[in-house]
Amino acid sequence: MALGILVLSFWPGRILGVRAARYWYQHQERRLGTLDASQRPHLESVLAEVTTVEELRVVSDGLSEVDAKNQKKSWPRYIHGLNSLKQKSITQEGRSVIDLELSVAYVMAARVEEQDNNKEVAAQYMESARSVFQSLGWQGYSDDALTSAAKRESDRREPAFLKKGKEPR
């Protein structure tokens, strides 16, 4: 009797699971089905590039946490990764996201160098940030304004529960 109940309980669960999976698949297909065949590959490319930027940020943050005493090295690694990603980027939208992330990383690297009294290196990073920001359409901003904007952008992306007691990268 117990064996019969057990077998019968798996059968409805399997049926419901298959129906739920089929419904979810059809729902997603309908949602994506509104795109032309020519738009879908482009959208997938943009999403892949944006996702890669996020993954690179997560890896960079993870490396920073592991090697907290060498946080100074994490920004140059992150910048190098973003520049490599930018060279491989195939969409304008992806390059714009990478450029914004790159400009924020340059400003944050400049802040770290400035705190270590490496004024020349900080100035180079800030000039690189300014150049990338200008390519995005920003014009005539002071170092303080760029630092403030980059800090806001960096803070906006990081959940509040992760900020407690944590220094930026």
Protein backbone atom coordinates (compact mmCIF):
# COMPACT_ATOMS: atom_id res chain seq x y z
CA MET A 1 0.00 0.00 0.00
CA ALA A 2 2.76 2.47 0.95
CA LEU A 3 4.63 1.58 -2.20
CA GLY A 4 1.54 2.34 -4.25
CA ILE A 5 1.14 5.77 -2.62
CA LEU A 6 4.82 6.51 -3.22
CA VAL A 7 4.60 5.56 -6.91
CA LEU A 8 1.39 7.52 -7.39
CA SER A 9 2.92 10.63 -5.76
CA PHE A 10 5.82 10.64 -8.27
CA TRP A 11 3.47 10.45 -11.26
CA PRO A 12 1.55 13.72 -10.58
CA GLY A 13 4.82 15.47 -9.68
CA ARG A 14 6.36 14.41 -12.97
CA ILE A 15 3.31 15.53 -14.92
CA LEU A 16 3.23 18.91 -13.15
CA GLY A 17 6.98 19.38 -13.63
CA VAL A 18 6.76 18.69 -17.35
CA ARG A 19 3.80 21.03 -17.74
CA ALA A 20 5.54 23.80 -15.77
CA ALA A 21 8.70 23.44 -17.85
CA ARG A 22 6.71 23.45 -21.09
CA TYR A 23 4.77 26.56 -19.99
CA TRP A 24 7.98 28.39 -19.03
CA TYR A 25 9.64 27.49 -22.34
CA GLN A 26 6.63 28.64 -24.37
CA HIS A 27 6.38 31.84 -22.34
CA GLN A 28 10.05 32.66 -23.00
CA GLU A 29 9.71 31.74 -26.66
CA ARG A 30 6.71 34.06 -27.05
CA ARG A 31 8.57 36.86 -25.31
CA LEU A 32 11.65 36.43 -27.50
CA GLY A 33 9.51 35.72 -30.54
CA THR A 34 8.69 39.42 -30.86
CA LEU A 35 12.18 40.05 -32.23
CA ASP A 36 13.05 39.79 -35.90
CA ALA A 37 15.40 37.00 -36.83
CA SER A 38 18.02 39.69 -37.53
CA GLN A 39 17.59 41.35 -34.11
CA ARG A 40 17.96 38.22 -31.98
CA PRO A 41 21.70 37.55 -32.65
CA HIS A 42 22.53 41.22 -32.00
CA LEU A 43 20.61 41.23 -28.72
CA GLU A 44 22.26 37.98 -27.67
CA SER A 45 25.69 39.48 -28.44
CA VAL A 46 24.94 42.61 -26.38
CA LEU A 47 23.68 40.52 -23.48
CA ALA A 48 26.74 38.27 -23.66
CA GLU A 49 29.10 41.28 -23.53
CA VAL A 50 27.26 42.92 -20.64
CA THR A 51 27.19 39.62 -18.76
CA THR A 52 30.93 39.22 -19.32
CA VAL A 53 31.56 42.68 -17.84
CA GLU A 54 29.57 41.67 -14.75
CA GLU A 55 31.44 38.37 -14.49
CA LEU A 56 34.77 40.18 -14.79
CA ARG A 57 33.70 42.53 -11.99
CA VAL A 58 32.75 39.59 -9.76
CA VAL A 59 36.07 37.83 -10.42
CA SER A 60 37.98 41.04 -9.79
CA ASP A 61 36.11 41.62 -6.53
CA GLY A 62 36.79 38.03 -5.51
CA LEU A 63 40.51 38.38 -6.19
CA SER A 64 40.54 41.62 -4.22
CA GLU A 65 38.96 39.91 -1.24
CA VAL A 66 41.44 37.04 -1.35
CA ASP A 67 44.43 39.38 -1.63
CA ALA A 68 43.16 42.30 0.47
CA LYS A 69 46.66 43.59 1.24
CA ASN A 70 47.38 43.98 -2.47
CA GLN A 71 44.24 45.84 -3.50
CA LYS A 72 46.47 48.27 -5.36
CA LYS A 73 47.07 45.54 -7.96
CA SER A 74 43.40 44.70 -8.43
CA TRP A 75 42.48 47.86 -10.35
CA PRO A 76 45.22 47.47 -12.98
CA ARG A 77 44.20 43.80 -13.44
CA TYR A 78 40.57 44.84 -13.82
CA ILE A 79 41.49 47.61 -16.27
CA HIS A 80 43.57 45.15 -18.31
CA GLY A 81 40.64 42.71 -18.39
CA LEU A 82 38.23 45.44 -19.51
CA ASN A 83 40.61 46.61 -22.24
CA SER A 84 40.94 43.02 -23.49
CA LEU A 85 37.18 42.66 -23.47
CA LYS A 86 36.78 45.96 -25.32
CA GLN A 87 39.08 44.75 -28.11
CA LYS A 88 36.91 41.64 -28.53
CA SER A 89 33.62 43.52 -28.34
CA ILE A 90 31.50 43.36 -31.48
CA THR A 91 28.59 45.63 -30.53
CA GLN A 92 28.47 49.38 -29.98
CA GLU A 93 26.20 48.93 -26.95
CA GLY A 94 28.66 46.50 -25.38
CA ARG A 95 31.59 48.84 -26.02
CA SER A 96 29.69 51.70 -24.36
CA VAL A 97 29.06 49.62 -21.24
CA ILE A 98 32.70 48.52 -21.20
CA ASP A 99 33.85 52.14 -21.64
CA LEU A 100 31.73 53.32 -18.71
CA GLU A 101 33.08 50.52 -16.53
CA LEU A 102 36.61 51.25 -17.74
CA SER A 103 36.35 54.95 -16.94
CA VAL A 104 35.09 54.19 -13.43
CA ALA A 105 37.96 51.73 -12.95
CA TYR A 106 40.51 54.33 -14.09
CA VAL A 107 39.16 56.87 -11.60
CA MET A 108 39.13 54.34 -8.77
CA ALA A 109 42.71 53.29 -9.63
CA ALA A 110 43.70 56.97 -9.58
CA ARG A 111 42.18 57.33 -6.10
CA VAL A 112 44.18 54.35 -4.82
CA GLU A 113 47.40 55.72 -6.32
CA GLU A 114 46.71 59.17 -4.91
CA GLN A 115 46.21 57.68 -1.44
CA ASP A 116 49.64 56.04 -1.84
CA ASN A 117 51.15 59.42 -2.86
CA ASN A 118 51.87 58.23 -6.40
CA LYS A 119 50.74 61.50 -7.97
CA GLU A 120 52.18 60.83 -11.45
CA VAL A 121 50.52 57.42 -11.78
CA ALA A 122 47.28 58.85 -10.39
CA ALA A 123 47.41 61.65 -12.97
CA GLN A 124 47.93 59.11 -15.77
CA TYR A 125 44.93 57.08 -14.63
CA MET A 126 42.82 60.24 -14.33
CA GLU A 127 43.82 61.33 -17.83
CA SER A 128 42.86 57.89 -19.17
CA ALA A 129 39.51 58.18 -17.36
CA ARG A 130 38.93 61.63 -18.81
CA SER A 131 39.71 60.36 -22.32
CA VAL A 132 37.25 57.47 -21.99
CA PHE A 133 34.58 59.70 -20.43
CA GLN A 134 35.02 62.14 -23.36
CA SER A 135 34.52 59.28 -25.81
CA LEU A 136 31.18 58.71 -24.04
CA GLY A 137 30.23 62.37 -24.53
CA TRP A 138 31.31 63.86 -21.19
CA GLN A 139 33.09 67.18 -21.58
CA GLY A 140 35.06 69.50 -19.28
CA TYR A 141 34.75 67.79 -15.91
CA SER A 142 37.22 68.35 -13.09
CA ASP A 143 39.04 65.50 -11.38
CA ASP A 144 36.79 65.94 -8.33
CA ALA A 145 33.65 65.76 -10.45
CA LEU A 146 34.89 62.61 -12.22
CA THR A 147 35.84 61.04 -8.88
CA SER A 148 32.45 61.85 -7.44
CA ALA A 149 30.64 60.44 -10.49
CA ALA A 150 32.75 57.27 -10.49
CA LYS A 151 32.22 56.78 -6.76
CA ARG A 152 28.45 57.17 -7.17
CA GLU A 153 28.42 54.71 -10.06
CA SER A 154 30.53 52.22 -8.13
CA ASP A 155 28.36 52.57 -5.01
CA ARG A 156 25.18 52.22 -7.03
CA ARG A 157 26.26 48.84 -8.33
CA GLU A 158 27.30 47.36 -5.00
CA PRO A 159 24.51 46.09 -2.73
CA ALA A 160 24.32 47.87 0.64
CA PHE A 161 24.91 44.70 2.66
CA LEU A 162 28.29 44.25 0.95
CA LYS A 163 29.43 47.81 1.65
CA LYS A 164 29.55 47.50 5.44
CA GLY A 165 33.15 47.76 6.49
CA LYS A 166 34.48 47.09 2.99
CA GLU A 167 36.96 49.28 1.18
CA PRO A 168 36.51 49.63 -2.57
CA ARG A 169 38.52 47.06 -4.50
